[in-house]
Amino acid sequence: MKTQLKERQAKVLSPDEAKRQAKIVNGVSLAVFFILEALIIAAGAIMREVLHVGDLWVVVFIVAGTLIATYLLFAVKIADQWEKAVVLRFGKFTGLKGPGRFWIIPIVDAIPRWIDHRVMVTPFNAEKTLTRDTVPVDVDAVLFWMVWDAEKAALEVEDYRSAIAWAAQTALREIIGQMELADILVGRAKMDADLQKIIDARTTPWGVTVQSVEIRDVIIPEALEDTMSRRAQAERERQARVILGESEEQIAKSFRRASETTPTTRRRCTCGP
């Protein structure tokens, strides 16, 4: 069962690989190919029926025209507004192409990767990670990042998406190990800032910059959660008793002042005419 699961996971293409395969042929080049093929076949028929050209030359014309149409099919590329194509010629980096239409030389040139320059979102987490006060916690977070240098992202790291996810997870575990549970629960803003700084320092050599990091959820063990809930409830009850005692004390003082004031008032009243 585990072997089959691993085989299925291996067959799943990465986003970059899926995009590369989808862009081998685009709609424009495909349309040009079919139009040229139709014109070539029609021209071949005219050459044979009207101009009475020999069959051999007609076949040569059709084959040559098909080769030209096939060349255009794989030579014309289109990059979207938010992406750039990494072009290698005989395995050597020659430049970035796009956005828009551009040409390559089939067989000689290759496009191993299309780099997306939009802001990307990567969820990551750390499970059963010990805090500084040895409390195991599960933390879920979201990373917002973007590629600012497509050349570095393509040449400096094999798979920058996976590398970013692993770097983020490692940084999260390091941060959790340096903080106590109370600091994690109440200091998420500081934790977000520290994570952004650490991850950005690791990904900058890859041409990637981190926009922000947001902690989504912190999950603590149920037993500890129940203990903290009972402690908070006991603290609230203690504060309520303190407030009630202070109120009763203030009321008692008010009655005492009132009782001390009443006899004096009566004596003043009996001394009149």
C-alpha atoms as a PDB file:
ATOM      1  CA  MET A   1       0.000   0.000   0.000  1.00  0.00           C
ATOM      2  CA  LYS A   2       2.788   2.426   0.920  1.00  0.00           C
ATOM      3  CA  THR A   3       4.667   1.498  -2.249  1.00  0.00           C
ATOM      4  CA  GLN A   4       1.628   2.284  -4.402  1.00  0.00           C
ATOM      5  CA  LEU A   5       1.166   5.603  -2.598  1.00  0.00           C
ATOM      6  CA  LYS A   6       4.787   6.547  -3.263  1.00  0.00           C
ATOM      7  CA  GLU A   7       4.419   5.601  -6.929  1.00  0.00           C
ATOM      8  CA  ARG A   8       1.319   7.794  -7.284  1.00  0.00           C
ATOM      9  CA  GLN A   9       3.095  10.700  -5.583  1.00  0.00           C
ATOM     10  CA  ALA A  10       6.068  10.288  -7.923  1.00  0.00           C
ATOM     11  CA  LYS A  11       3.754  10.470 -10.935  1.00  0.00           C
ATOM     12  CA  VAL A  12       2.260  13.791  -9.805  1.00  0.00           C
ATOM     13  CA  LEU A  13       3.913  16.598 -11.746  1.00  0.00           C
ATOM     14  CA  SER A  14       5.211  19.704 -10.061  1.00  0.00           C
ATOM     15  CA  PRO A  15       3.573  23.019 -11.081  1.00  0.00           C
ATOM     16  CA  ASP A  16       6.641  24.034 -13.083  1.00  0.00           C
ATOM     17  CA  GLU A  17       6.812  20.714 -14.934  1.00  0.00           C
ATOM     18  CA  ALA A  18       3.082  20.777 -15.693  1.00  0.00           C
ATOM     19  CA  LYS A  19       3.370  24.326 -17.019  1.00  0.00           C
ATOM     20  CA  ARG A  20       6.387  23.398 -19.155  1.00  0.00           C
ATOM     21  CA  GLN A  21       4.566  20.494 -20.778  1.00  0.00           C
ATOM     22  CA  ALA A  22       1.435  22.579 -21.335  1.00  0.00           C
ATOM     23  CA  LYS A  23       3.433  25.271 -23.134  1.00  0.00           C
ATOM     24  CA  ILE A  24       5.319  22.999 -25.549  1.00  0.00           C
ATOM     25  CA  VAL A  25       2.686  23.928 -28.134  1.00  0.00           C
ATOM     26  CA  ASN A  26       0.434  26.977 -27.839  1.00  0.00           C
ATOM     27  CA  GLY A  27      -2.797  27.870 -29.594  1.00  0.00           C
ATOM     28  CA  VAL A  28      -1.233  30.419 -31.953  1.00  0.00           C
ATOM     29  CA  SER A  29       1.471  28.088 -33.277  1.00  0.00           C
ATOM     30  CA  LEU A  30      -1.059  25.265 -33.579  1.00  0.00           C
ATOM     31  CA  ALA A  31      -3.374  27.467 -35.661  1.00  0.00           C
ATOM     32  CA  VAL A  32      -0.474  28.569 -37.877  1.00  0.00           C
ATOM     33  CA  PHE A  33       0.511  24.924 -38.370  1.00  0.00           C
ATOM     34  CA  PHE A  34      -2.932  23.815 -39.548  1.00  0.00           C
ATOM     35  CA  ILE A  35      -3.364  26.849 -41.806  1.00  0.00           C
ATOM     36  CA  LEU A  36       0.023  26.248 -43.446  1.00  0.00           C
ATOM     37  CA  GLU A  37      -0.703  22.549 -43.830  1.00  0.00           C
ATOM     38  CA  ALA A  38      -3.994  23.306 -45.572  1.00  0.00           C
ATOM     39  CA  LEU A  39      -2.303  25.821 -47.895  1.00  0.00           C
ATOM     40  CA  ILE A  40       0.522  23.390 -48.655  1.00  0.00           C
ATOM     41  CA  ILE A  41      -1.863  20.577 -49.525  1.00  0.00           C
ATOM     42  CA  ALA A  42      -3.956  22.902 -51.683  1.00  0.00           C
ATOM     43  CA  ALA A  43      -0.828  24.198 -53.441  1.00  0.00           C
ATOM     44  CA  GLY A  44       0.352  20.642 -54.037  1.00  0.00           C
ATOM     45  CA  ALA A  45      -2.966  19.749 -55.628  1.00  0.00           C
ATOM     46  CA  ILE A  46      -2.806  22.822 -57.881  1.00  0.00           C
ATOM     47  CA  MET A  47       0.771  21.976 -58.894  1.00  0.00           C
ATOM     48  CA  ARG A  48      -0.275  18.469 -59.870  1.00  0.00           C
ATOM     49  CA  GLU A  49      -3.633  19.108 -61.548  1.00  0.00           C
ATOM     50  CA  VAL A  50      -3.141  22.539 -63.109  1.00  0.00           C
ATOM     51  CA  LEU A  51       0.600  22.961 -63.607  1.00  0.00           C
ATOM     52  CA  HIS A  52       1.130  19.244 -64.276  1.00  0.00           C
ATOM     53  CA  VAL A  53       4.203  19.076 -62.052  1.00  0.00           C
ATOM     54  CA  GLY A  54       5.616  15.626 -61.494  1.00  0.00           C
ATOM     55  CA  ASP A  55       4.509  13.643 -58.464  1.00  0.00           C
ATOM     56  CA  LEU A  56       8.041  13.557 -57.077  1.00  0.00           C
ATOM     57  CA  TRP A  57       8.303  17.343 -56.988  1.00  0.00           C
ATOM     58  CA  VAL A  58       4.836  17.628 -55.450  1.00  0.00           C
ATOM     59  CA  VAL A  59       5.869  15.238 -52.678  1.00  0.00           C
ATOM     60  CA  VAL A  60       9.102  17.189 -52.119  1.00  0.00           C
ATOM     61  CA  PHE A  61       7.112  20.440 -51.928  1.00  0.00           C
ATOM     62  CA  ILE A  62       4.627  19.001 -49.413  1.00  0.00           C
ATOM     63  CA  VAL A  63       7.387  17.502 -47.246  1.00  0.00           C
ATOM     64  CA  ALA A  64       9.368  20.755 -47.262  1.00  0.00           C
ATOM     65  CA  GLY A  65       6.254  22.774 -46.433  1.00  0.00           C
ATOM     66  CA  THR A  66       5.376  20.356 -43.611  1.00  0.00           C
ATOM     67  CA  LEU A  67       8.866  20.719 -42.144  1.00  0.00           C
ATOM     68  CA  ILE A  68       8.526  24.515 -42.195  1.00  0.00           C
ATOM     69  CA  ALA A  69       5.090  24.321 -40.554  1.00  0.00           C
ATOM     70  CA  THR A  70       6.465  21.929 -37.900  1.00  0.00           C
ATOM     71  CA  TYR A  71       9.349  24.306 -37.252  1.00  0.00           C
ATOM     72  CA  LEU A  72       6.899  27.159 -36.680  1.00  0.00           C
ATOM     73  CA  LEU A  73       4.770  24.900 -34.475  1.00  0.00           C
ATOM     74  CA  PHE A  74       7.604  24.477 -31.969  1.00  0.00           C
ATOM     75  CA  ALA A  75       9.437  27.780 -32.585  1.00  0.00           C
ATOM     76  CA  VAL A  76       6.683  30.260 -31.714  1.00  0.00           C
ATOM     77  CA  LYS A  77       6.204  30.662 -27.968  1.00  0.00           C
ATOM     78  CA  ILE A  78       3.949  32.932 -25.929  1.00  0.00           C
ATOM     79  CA  ALA A  79       4.620  33.967 -22.328  1.00  0.00           C
ATOM     80  CA  ASP A  80       1.860  35.420 -20.181  1.00  0.00           C
ATOM     81  CA  GLN A  81       2.163  38.922 -18.757  1.00  0.00           C
ATOM     82  CA  TRP A  82       3.249  37.641 -15.326  1.00  0.00           C
ATOM     83  CA  GLU A  83       5.863  35.107 -16.406  1.00  0.00           C
ATOM     84  CA  LYS A  84       9.221  34.718 -18.139  1.00  0.00           C
ATOM     85  CA  ALA A  85      10.745  31.775 -19.957  1.00  0.00           C
ATOM     86  CA  VAL A  86      14.255  30.544 -19.175  1.00  0.00           C
ATOM     87  CA  VAL A  87      15.965  29.714 -22.489  1.00  0.00           C
ATOM     88  CA  LEU A  88      18.948  27.350 -22.728  1.00  0.00           C
ATOM     89  CA  ARG A  89      20.911  26.877 -25.965  1.00  0.00           C
ATOM     90  CA  PHE A  90      22.839  23.605 -26.039  1.00  0.00           C
ATOM     91  CA  GLY A  91      22.394  23.522 -22.248  1.00  0.00           C
ATOM     92  CA  LYS A  92      23.813  27.007 -21.667  1.00  0.00           C
ATOM     93  CA  PHE A  93      21.734  29.873 -20.322  1.00  0.00           C
ATOM     94  CA  THR A  94      21.134  32.492 -23.035  1.00  0.00           C
ATOM     95  CA  GLY A  95      18.512  34.738 -21.466  1.00  0.00           C
ATOM     96  CA  LEU A  96      14.939  35.292 -20.325  1.00  0.00           C
ATOM     97  CA  LYS A  97      12.095  35.676 -22.813  1.00  0.00           C
ATOM     98  CA  GLY A  98       8.673  37.255 -22.376  1.00  0.00           C
ATOM     99  CA  PRO A  99       6.149  38.400 -21.667  1.00  0.00           C
ATOM    100  CA  GLY A 100       4.447  38.125 -25.050  1.00  0.00           C
ATOM    101  CA  ARG A 101       5.476  36.334 -28.258  1.00  0.00           C
ATOM    102  CA  PHE A 102       9.034  35.200 -28.873  1.00  0.00           C
ATOM    103  CA  TRP A 103      10.943  32.702 -30.996  1.00  0.00           C
ATOM    104  CA  ILE A 104      13.278  29.835 -30.220  1.00  0.00           C
ATOM    105  CA  ILE A 105      15.206  27.387 -32.397  1.00  0.00           C
ATOM    106  CA  PRO A 106      13.711  23.912 -31.915  1.00  0.00           C
ATOM    107  CA  ILE A 107      16.144  21.165 -30.862  1.00  0.00           C
ATOM    108  CA  VAL A 108      18.883  23.776 -30.334  1.00  0.00           C
ATOM    109  CA  ASP A 109      16.977  25.794 -27.719  1.00  0.00           C
ATOM    110  CA  ALA A 110      15.096  24.462 -24.705  1.00  0.00           C
ATOM    111  CA  ILE A 111      12.810  26.069 -22.145  1.00  0.00           C
ATOM    112  CA  PRO A 112      13.231  24.053 -18.927  1.00  0.00           C
ATOM    113  CA  ARG A 113      11.233  26.449 -16.757  1.00  0.00           C
ATOM    114  CA  TRP A 114       8.615  29.198 -16.838  1.00  0.00           C
ATOM    115  CA  ILE A 115       9.009  31.586 -13.902  1.00  0.00           C
ATOM    116  CA  ASP A 116       5.877  33.156 -12.414  1.00  0.00           C
ATOM    117  CA  HIS A 117       6.450  36.684 -11.042  1.00  0.00           C
ATOM    118  CA  ARG A 118       3.149  36.969  -9.173  1.00  0.00           C
ATOM    119  CA  VAL A 119       2.857  36.756  -5.382  1.00  0.00           C
ATOM    120  CA  MET A 120       2.665  33.078  -4.433  1.00  0.00           C
ATOM    121  CA  VAL A 121       1.105  31.519  -1.328  1.00  0.00           C
ATOM    122  CA  THR A 122       2.718  28.546   0.420  1.00  0.00           C
ATOM    123  CA  PRO A 123       1.109  26.985   3.507  1.00  0.00           C
ATOM    124  CA  PHE A 124       3.485  25.234   5.897  1.00  0.00           C
ATOM    125  CA  ASN A 125       3.379  23.816   9.410  1.00  0.00           C
ATOM    126  CA  ALA A 126       5.396  22.356  12.248  1.00  0.00           C
ATOM    127  CA  GLU A 127       3.963  19.331  14.052  1.00  0.00           C
ATOM    128  CA  LYS A 128       4.786  18.216  17.603  1.00  0.00           C
ATOM    129  CA  THR A 129       7.576  20.761  17.938  1.00  0.00           C
ATOM    130  CA  LEU A 130       8.886  21.438  21.438  1.00  0.00           C
ATOM    131  CA  THR A 131       8.924  24.984  22.754  1.00  0.00           C
ATOM    132  CA  ARG A 132      11.669  26.268  25.040  1.00  0.00           C
ATOM    133  CA  ASP A 133       9.617  25.150  28.059  1.00  0.00           C
ATOM    134  CA  THR A 134       9.230  21.646  26.486  1.00  0.00           C
ATOM    135  CA  VAL A 135       5.595  21.887  25.405  1.00  0.00           C
ATOM    136  CA  PRO A 136       4.748  20.102  22.099  1.00  0.00           C
ATOM    137  CA  VAL A 137       2.726  22.348  19.786  1.00  0.00           C
ATOM    138  CA  ASP A 138       1.390  22.243  16.221  1.00  0.00           C
ATOM    139  CA  VAL A 139       1.672  25.539  14.342  1.00  0.00           C
ATOM    140  CA  ASP A 140       0.110  26.320  10.945  1.00  0.00           C
ATOM    141  CA  ALA A 141       1.360  29.303   8.948  1.00  0.00           C
ATOM    142  CA  VAL A 142       1.144  30.876   5.489  1.00  0.00           C
ATOM    143  CA  LEU A 143       4.035  32.330   3.498  1.00  0.00           C
ATOM    144  CA  PHE A 144       3.580  35.056   0.856  1.00  0.00           C
ATOM    145  CA  TRP A 145       6.532  35.336  -1.529  1.00  0.00           C
ATOM    146  CA  MET A 146       7.475  36.251  -5.083  1.00  0.00           C
ATOM    147  CA  VAL A 147      10.347  35.750  -7.523  1.00  0.00           C
ATOM    148  CA  TRP A 148      12.234  38.987  -8.174  1.00  0.00           C
ATOM    149  CA  ASP A 149      15.131  37.442 -10.150  1.00  0.00           C
ATOM    150  CA  ALA A 150      14.017  34.697 -12.546  1.00  0.00           C
ATOM    151  CA  GLU A 151      17.579  33.851 -13.552  1.00  0.00           C
ATOM    152  CA  LYS A 152      18.637  33.049  -9.981  1.00  0.00           C
ATOM    153  CA  ALA A 153      15.427  31.124  -9.312  1.00  0.00           C
ATOM    154  CA  ALA A 154      16.128  28.922 -12.343  1.00  0.00           C
ATOM    155  CA  LEU A 155      19.895  28.472 -12.020  1.00  0.00           C
ATOM    156  CA  GLU A 156      20.723  28.644  -8.298  1.00  0.00           C
ATOM    157  CA  VAL A 157      18.269  26.061  -6.952  1.00  0.00           C
ATOM    158  CA  GLU A 158      16.786  22.900  -8.457  1.00  0.00           C
ATOM    159  CA  ASP A 159      13.172  23.409  -7.333  1.00  0.00           C
ATOM    160  CA  TYR A 160      12.679  26.811  -5.731  1.00  0.00           C
ATOM    161  CA  ARG A 161       9.086  26.084  -4.700  1.00  0.00           C
ATOM    162  CA  SER A 162      10.033  23.018  -2.651  1.00  0.00           C
ATOM    163  CA  ALA A 163      13.140  24.756  -1.318  1.00  0.00           C
ATOM    164  CA  ILE A 164      11.053  27.687  -0.062  1.00  0.00           C
ATOM    165  CA  ALA A 165       8.563  25.371   1.633  1.00  0.00           C
ATOM    166  CA  TRP A 166      11.327  23.431   3.408  1.00  0.00           C
ATOM    167  CA  ALA A 167      13.175  26.601   4.396  1.00  0.00           C
ATOM    168  CA  ALA A 168       9.969  28.025   5.868  1.00  0.00           C
ATOM    169  CA  GLN A 169       9.214  24.858   7.832  1.00  0.00           C
ATOM    170  CA  THR A 170      12.759  24.685   9.209  1.00  0.00           C
ATOM    171  CA  ALA A 171      12.665  28.348  10.241  1.00  0.00           C
ATOM    172  CA  LEU A 172       9.314  27.810  11.978  1.00  0.00           C
ATOM    173  CA  ARG A 173      10.721  24.931  14.006  1.00  0.00           C
ATOM    174  CA  GLU A 174      13.726  27.026  15.005  1.00  0.00           C
ATOM    175  CA  ILE A 175      11.536  29.911  16.152  1.00  0.00           C
ATOM    176  CA  ILE A 176       9.261  27.617  18.164  1.00  0.00           C
ATOM    177  CA  GLY A 177      12.260  26.055  19.913  1.00  0.00           C
ATOM    178  CA  GLN A 178      13.495  29.504  20.974  1.00  0.00           C
ATOM    179  CA  MET A 179      10.168  30.709  22.435  1.00  0.00           C
ATOM    180  CA  GLU A 180       8.057  29.707  25.408  1.00  0.00           C
ATOM    181  CA  LEU A 181       4.441  28.699  24.950  1.00  0.00           C
ATOM    182  CA  ALA A 182       3.078  31.902  26.510  1.00  0.00           C
ATOM    183  CA  ASP A 183       5.166  34.019  24.118  1.00  0.00           C
ATOM    184  CA  ILE A 184       3.894  32.033  21.121  1.00  0.00           C
ATOM    185  CA  LEU A 185       0.269  32.418  22.161  1.00  0.00           C
ATOM    186  CA  VAL A 186       0.399  36.182  22.765  1.00  0.00           C
ATOM    187  CA  GLY A 187       3.316  37.273  20.563  1.00  0.00           C
ATOM    188  CA  ARG A 188       2.278  36.205  17.068  1.00  0.00           C
ATOM    189  CA  ALA A 189       3.200  39.557  15.499  1.00  0.00           C
ATOM    190  CA  LYS A 190       6.805  39.256  16.700  1.00  0.00           C
ATOM    191  CA  MET A 191       6.894  35.632  15.596  1.00  0.00           C
ATOM    192  CA  ASP A 192       5.655  36.632  12.116  1.00  0.00           C
ATOM    193  CA  ALA A 193       8.352  39.314  11.810  1.00  0.00           C
ATOM    194  CA  ASP A 194      11.146  36.974  12.965  1.00  0.00           C
ATOM    195  CA  LEU A 195      10.031  34.265  10.546  1.00  0.00           C
ATOM    196  CA  GLN A 196       9.906  36.696   7.637  1.00  0.00           C
ATOM    197  CA  LYS A 197      13.429  37.916   8.381  1.00  0.00           C
ATOM    198  CA  ILE A 198      14.884  34.388   8.645  1.00  0.00           C
ATOM    199  CA  ILE A 199      13.147  32.979   5.558  1.00  0.00           C
ATOM    200  CA  ASP A 200      13.923  36.052   3.470  1.00  0.00           C
ATOM    201  CA  ALA A 201      17.627  35.766   4.330  1.00  0.00           C
ATOM    202  CA  ARG A 202      17.643  32.138   3.160  1.00  0.00           C
ATOM    203  CA  THR A 203      15.690  32.682  -0.074  1.00  0.00           C
ATOM    204  CA  THR A 204      17.293  35.927  -1.292  1.00  0.00           C
ATOM    205  CA  PRO A 205      20.218  34.044  -2.952  1.00  0.00           C
ATOM    206  CA  TRP A 206      17.574  32.155  -4.952  1.00  0.00           C
ATOM    207  CA  GLY A 207      16.056  35.351  -6.338  1.00  0.00           C
ATOM    208  CA  VAL A 208      13.027  35.100  -4.048  1.00  0.00           C
ATOM    209  CA  THR A 209      11.757  37.709  -1.618  1.00  0.00           C
ATOM    210  CA  VAL A 210       9.319  37.089   1.244  1.00  0.00           C
ATOM    211  CA  GLN A 211       6.403  39.531   1.411  1.00  0.00           C
ATOM    212  CA  SER A 212       4.949  38.391   4.728  1.00  0.00           C
ATOM    213  CA  VAL A 213       4.396  35.438   7.045  1.00  0.00           C
ATOM    214  CA  GLU A 214       1.167  34.878   8.969  1.00  0.00           C
ATOM    215  CA  ILE A 215       0.605  32.384  11.782  1.00  0.00           C
ATOM    216  CA  ARG A 216      -2.834  30.852  11.252  1.00  0.00           C
ATOM    217  CA  ASP A 217      -3.238  28.557  14.236  1.00  0.00           C
ATOM    218  CA  VAL A 218      -1.402  27.261  17.297  1.00  0.00           C
ATOM    219  CA  ILE A 219      -2.622  23.894  18.584  1.00  0.00           C
ATOM    220  CA  ILE A 220      -1.548  22.700  22.035  1.00  0.00           C
ATOM    221  CA  PRO A 221      -2.167  19.277  23.674  1.00  0.00           C
ATOM    222  CA  GLU A 222      -5.727  18.769  24.910  1.00  0.00           C
ATOM    223  CA  ALA A 223      -4.627  18.000  28.463  1.00  0.00           C
ATOM    224  CA  LEU A 224      -2.648  21.231  28.642  1.00  0.00           C
ATOM    225  CA  GLU A 225      -5.517  23.119  27.055  1.00  0.00           C
ATOM    226  CA  ASP A 226      -7.921  21.792  29.724  1.00  0.00           C
ATOM    227  CA  THR A 227      -5.445  22.733  32.455  1.00  0.00           C
ATOM    228  CA  MET A 228      -5.046  26.240  31.085  1.00  0.00           C
ATOM    229  CA  SER A 229      -8.821  26.581  30.766  1.00  0.00           C
ATOM    230  CA  ARG A 230      -9.352  25.539  34.400  1.00  0.00           C
ATOM    231  CA  ARG A 231      -6.587  27.870  35.525  1.00  0.00           C
ATOM    232  CA  ALA A 232      -8.143  30.755  33.607  1.00  0.00           C
ATOM    233  CA  GLN A 233     -11.551  29.925  35.085  1.00  0.00           C
ATOM    234  CA  ALA A 234     -10.085  29.817  38.595  1.00  0.00           C
ATOM    235  CA  GLU A 235      -8.359  33.166  37.994  1.00  0.00           C
ATOM    236  CA  ARG A 236     -11.634  34.708  36.813  1.00  0.00           C
ATOM    237  CA  GLU A 237     -13.443  33.359  39.891  1.00  0.00           C
ATOM    238  CA  ARG A 238     -10.686  34.701  42.142  1.00  0.00           C
ATOM    239  CA  GLN A 239     -10.936  38.148  40.547  1.00  0.00           C
ATOM    240  CA  ALA A 240     -14.724  38.008  40.925  1.00  0.00           C
ATOM    241  CA  ARG A 241     -14.392  37.193  44.633  1.00  0.00           C
ATOM    242  CA  VAL A 242     -11.875  40.013  45.069  1.00  0.00           C
ATOM    243  CA  ILE A 243     -14.206  42.479  43.378  1.00  0.00           C
ATOM    244  CA  LEU A 244     -17.132  41.218  45.454  1.00  0.00           C
ATOM    245  CA  GLY A 245     -15.095  41.536  48.679  1.00  0.00           C
ATOM    246  CA  GLU A 246     -14.025  45.076  47.767  1.00  0.00           C
ATOM    247  CA  SER A 247     -17.637  45.976  47.038  1.00  0.00           C
ATOM    248  CA  GLU A 248     -18.806  44.545  50.368  1.00  0.00           C
ATOM    249  CA  GLU A 249     -16.019  46.421  52.152  1.00  0.00           C
ATOM    250  CA  GLN A 250     -17.048  49.693  50.497  1.00  0.00           C
ATOM    251  CA  ILE A 251     -20.677  49.073  51.469  1.00  0.00           C
ATOM    252  CA  ALA A 252     -19.680  48.350  55.071  1.00  0.00           C
ATOM    253  CA  LYS A 253     -17.637  51.541  55.205  1.00  0.00           C
ATOM    254  CA  SER A 254     -20.615  53.483  53.862  1.00  0.00           C
ATOM    255  CA  PHE A 255     -22.909  52.030  56.557  1.00  0.00           C
ATOM    256  CA  ARG A 256     -20.302  52.761  59.244  1.00  0.00           C
ATOM    257  CA  ARG A 257     -19.965  56.382  58.145  1.00  0.00           C
ATOM    258  CA  ALA A 258     -23.732  56.679  58.055  1.00  0.00           C
ATOM    259  CA  SER A 259     -24.067  55.228  61.571  1.00  0.00           C
ATOM    260  CA  GLU A 260     -21.400  57.601  62.889  1.00  0.00           C
ATOM    261  CA  THR A 261     -23.109  60.606  61.342  1.00  0.00           C
ATOM    262  CA  THR A 262     -26.689  59.894  62.534  1.00  0.00           C
ATOM    263  CA  PRO A 263     -26.266  60.443  66.394  1.00  0.00           C
ATOM    264  CA  THR A 264     -24.507  63.768  65.829  1.00  0.00           C
ATOM    265  CA  THR A 265     -27.355  64.963  63.673  1.00  0.00           C
ATOM    266  CA  ARG A 266     -29.908  63.979  66.325  1.00  0.00           C
ATOM    267  CA  ARG A 267     -28.031  65.812  69.127  1.00  0.00           C
ATOM    268  CA  ARG A 268     -27.962  68.944  67.005  1.00  0.00           C
ATOM    269  CA  CYS A 269     -31.686  68.686  66.493  1.00  0.00           C
ATOM    270  CA  THR A 270     -32.507  68.382  70.313  1.00  0.00           C
ATOM    271  CA  CYS A 271     -30.519  71.510  71.211  1.00  0.00           C
ATOM    272  CA  GLY A 272     -32.809  73.873  69.322  1.00  0.00           C
ATOM    273  CA  PRO A 273     -35.477  76.287  70.884  1.00  0.00           C
END
